């Protein structure tokens, strides 16, 4: 079975994005959830993931509202496929009007 972690960086602040709520779905089922720590990380989100299609949903609007910053995206959803047994890491680089992601290591 595979494992998953994530990391969110606030590109405007140049710092980790702490306190972002994250939910992991497999199809429509919630299989994990948490909030980023002071380093912007969630070390383990959904242990023992079988192959399939998953979606991470980051509550970015609430994060920027808490920071007093206007933003365009109320949430960011990243859909990805678990194919082989390994550790998956999905980083998110975030700003109020843009984001990017990639498969990390």
C-alpha atoms as a PDB file:
ATOM      1  CA  UNK A   1       0.000   0.000   0.000  1.00  0.00           C
ATOM      2  CA  UNK A   2       1.080   3.569  -0.670  1.00  0.00           C
ATOM      3  CA  UNK A   3       1.334   6.574   1.654  1.00  0.00           C
ATOM      4  CA  UNK A   4       0.837  10.300   1.072  1.00  0.00           C
ATOM      5  CA  UNK A   5       2.190  13.575   2.423  1.00  0.00           C
ATOM      6  CA  UNK A   6       1.776  17.208   1.397  1.00  0.00           C
ATOM      7  CA  UNK A   7       3.467  20.548   1.894  1.00  0.00           C
ATOM      8  CA  UNK A   8       2.056  24.038   1.239  1.00  0.00           C
ATOM      9  CA  UNK A   9       4.211  27.119   0.710  1.00  0.00           C
ATOM     10  CA  UNK A  10       2.786  30.645   0.645  1.00  0.00           C
ATOM     11  CA  UNK A  11       4.681  32.252  -2.255  1.00  0.00           C
ATOM     12  CA  UNK A  12       3.663  35.790  -1.280  1.00  0.00           C
ATOM     13  CA  UNK A  13       4.765  35.491   2.341  1.00  0.00           C
ATOM     14  CA  UNK A  14       7.773  33.377   1.375  1.00  0.00           C
ATOM     15  CA  UNK A  15       6.925  31.014   4.205  1.00  0.00           C
ATOM     16  CA  UNK A  16       5.150  27.741   4.957  1.00  0.00           C
ATOM     17  CA  UNK A  17       1.356  27.996   4.953  1.00  0.00           C
ATOM     18  CA  UNK A  18       0.299  26.811   8.406  1.00  0.00           C
ATOM     19  CA  UNK A  19      -3.245  25.861   9.341  1.00  0.00           C
ATOM     20  CA  UNK A  20      -4.628  24.984   5.903  1.00  0.00           C
ATOM     21  CA  UNK A  21      -7.351  22.341   6.157  1.00  0.00           C
ATOM     22  CA  UNK A  22      -6.823  19.486   3.684  1.00  0.00           C
ATOM     23  CA  UNK A  23      -9.205  16.646   2.810  1.00  0.00           C
ATOM     24  CA  UNK A  24      -8.245  13.539   0.823  1.00  0.00           C
ATOM     25  CA  UNK A  25     -10.942  11.828  -1.252  1.00  0.00           C
ATOM     26  CA  UNK A  26     -10.980   8.552  -3.136  1.00  0.00           C
ATOM     27  CA  UNK A  27     -13.854   9.050  -5.553  1.00  0.00           C
ATOM     28  CA  UNK A  28     -16.470  10.610  -3.225  1.00  0.00           C
ATOM     29  CA  UNK A  29     -15.260   8.945  -0.002  1.00  0.00           C
ATOM     30  CA  UNK A  30     -13.177  10.920   2.510  1.00  0.00           C
ATOM     31  CA  UNK A  31     -10.132   8.789   3.308  1.00  0.00           C
ATOM     32  CA  UNK A  32      -8.067  11.338   5.228  1.00  0.00           C
ATOM     33  CA  UNK A  33      -7.977  14.884   6.520  1.00  0.00           C
ATOM     34  CA  UNK A  34      -5.806  17.213   8.512  1.00  0.00           C
ATOM     35  CA  UNK A  35      -4.322  20.692   8.705  1.00  0.00           C
ATOM     36  CA  UNK A  36      -0.845  21.839   7.777  1.00  0.00           C
ATOM     37  CA  UNK A  37       1.523  22.266  10.701  1.00  0.00           C
ATOM     38  CA  UNK A  38       3.790  25.251  11.423  1.00  0.00           C
ATOM     39  CA  UNK A  39       6.114  24.069   8.640  1.00  0.00           C
ATOM     40  CA  UNK A  40       3.195  23.858   6.167  1.00  0.00           C
ATOM     41  CA  UNK A  41       3.302  20.061   6.157  1.00  0.00           C
ATOM     42  CA  UNK A  42       1.074  17.092   6.741  1.00  0.00           C
ATOM     43  CA  UNK A  43       3.439  14.142   7.117  1.00  0.00           C
ATOM     44  CA  UNK A  44       0.835  11.422   6.724  1.00  0.00           C
ATOM     45  CA  UNK A  45      -2.540  11.820   5.068  1.00  0.00           C
ATOM     46  CA  UNK A  46      -4.364   8.617   4.338  1.00  0.00           C
ATOM     47  CA  UNK A  47      -2.168   5.665   5.188  1.00  0.00           C
ATOM     48  CA  UNK A  48      -2.244   2.454   3.161  1.00  0.00           C
ATOM     49  CA  UNK A  49      -3.661   3.850  -0.089  1.00  0.00           C
ATOM     50  CA  UNK A  50      -4.575   1.197  -2.653  1.00  0.00           C
ATOM     51  CA  UNK A  51      -4.232   2.017  -6.368  1.00  0.00           C
ATOM     52  CA  UNK A  52      -6.869   4.449  -7.632  1.00  0.00           C
ATOM     53  CA  UNK A  53      -7.734   8.067  -8.321  1.00  0.00           C
ATOM     54  CA  UNK A  54      -7.547  10.503  -5.406  1.00  0.00           C
ATOM     55  CA  UNK A  55      -8.278  14.185  -4.869  1.00  0.00           C
ATOM     56  CA  UNK A  56      -6.654  16.514  -2.337  1.00  0.00           C
ATOM     57  CA  UNK A  57      -8.756  19.588  -1.514  1.00  0.00           C
ATOM     58  CA  UNK A  58      -6.958  22.488   0.161  1.00  0.00           C
ATOM     59  CA  UNK A  59      -9.088  25.172   1.926  1.00  0.00           C
ATOM     60  CA  UNK A  60      -7.085  28.070   0.517  1.00  0.00           C
ATOM     61  CA  UNK A  61      -9.823  30.710   0.785  1.00  0.00           C
ATOM     62  CA  UNK A  62     -10.141  30.241   4.538  1.00  0.00           C
ATOM     63  CA  UNK A  63      -6.346  30.432   4.894  1.00  0.00           C
ATOM     64  CA  UNK A  64      -6.083  33.749   3.038  1.00  0.00           C
ATOM     65  CA  UNK A  65      -9.148  35.152   4.842  1.00  0.00           C
ATOM     66  CA  UNK A  66      -7.439  34.364   8.153  1.00  0.00           C
ATOM     67  CA  UNK A  67      -4.364  36.229   6.853  1.00  0.00           C
ATOM     68  CA  UNK A  68      -6.532  39.195   5.835  1.00  0.00           C
ATOM     69  CA  UNK A  69      -5.656  38.723   2.164  1.00  0.00           C
ATOM     70  CA  UNK A  70      -8.127  38.800  -0.726  1.00  0.00           C
ATOM     71  CA  UNK A  71      -7.915  35.653  -2.865  1.00  0.00           C
ATOM     72  CA  UNK A  72      -9.487  34.230  -5.998  1.00  0.00           C
ATOM     73  CA  UNK A  73      -9.625  30.485  -5.259  1.00  0.00           C
ATOM     74  CA  UNK A  74     -11.745  29.376  -2.291  1.00  0.00           C
ATOM     75  CA  UNK A  75     -10.161  25.951  -2.601  1.00  0.00           C
ATOM     76  CA  UNK A  76      -7.564  24.122  -4.654  1.00  0.00           C
ATOM     77  CA  UNK A  77      -8.301  20.559  -5.758  1.00  0.00           C
ATOM     78  CA  UNK A  78      -5.473  18.351  -7.000  1.00  0.00           C
ATOM     79  CA  UNK A  79      -6.484  15.047  -8.576  1.00  0.00           C
ATOM     80  CA  UNK A  80      -3.829  12.365  -8.962  1.00  0.00           C
ATOM     81  CA  UNK A  81      -3.463   8.636  -9.554  1.00  0.00           C
ATOM     82  CA  UNK A  82      -1.809   6.121  -7.259  1.00  0.00           C
ATOM     83  CA  UNK A  83      -0.417   3.487  -9.618  1.00  0.00           C
ATOM     84  CA  UNK A  84       2.405   1.739  -7.848  1.00  0.00           C
ATOM     85  CA  UNK A  85       3.239   1.041  -4.224  1.00  0.00           C
ATOM     86  CA  UNK A  86       5.414   3.939  -3.001  1.00  0.00           C
ATOM     87  CA  UNK A  87       5.304   7.132  -0.991  1.00  0.00           C
ATOM     88  CA  UNK A  88       3.591  10.023  -2.803  1.00  0.00           C
ATOM     89  CA  UNK A  89       4.242  13.663  -1.938  1.00  0.00           C
ATOM     90  CA  UNK A  90       2.057  16.437  -3.377  1.00  0.00           C
ATOM     91  CA  UNK A  91       3.458  19.932  -2.728  1.00  0.00           C
ATOM     92  CA  UNK A  92       1.376  23.065  -3.344  1.00  0.00           C
ATOM     93  CA  UNK A  93       2.918  26.466  -4.072  1.00  0.00           C
ATOM     94  CA  UNK A  94       0.245  29.014  -3.308  1.00  0.00           C
ATOM     95  CA  UNK A  95      -0.526  32.695  -3.830  1.00  0.00           C
ATOM     96  CA  UNK A  96      -3.876  34.535  -3.664  1.00  0.00           C
ATOM     97  CA  UNK A  97      -4.354  34.419  -7.449  1.00  0.00           C
ATOM     98  CA  UNK A  98      -2.316  31.409  -8.607  1.00  0.00           C
ATOM     99  CA  UNK A  99      -1.047  27.992  -7.576  1.00  0.00           C
ATOM    100  CA  UNK A 100       1.156  25.196  -8.865  1.00  0.00           C
ATOM    101  CA  UNK A 101       1.818  21.620  -7.876  1.00  0.00           C
ATOM    102  CA  UNK A 102       3.912  18.631  -8.900  1.00  0.00           C
ATOM    103  CA  UNK A 103       4.659  15.078  -7.824  1.00  0.00           C
ATOM    104  CA  UNK A 104       7.362  15.418  -5.216  1.00  0.00           C
ATOM    105  CA  UNK A 105       9.536  12.799  -3.611  1.00  0.00           C
END
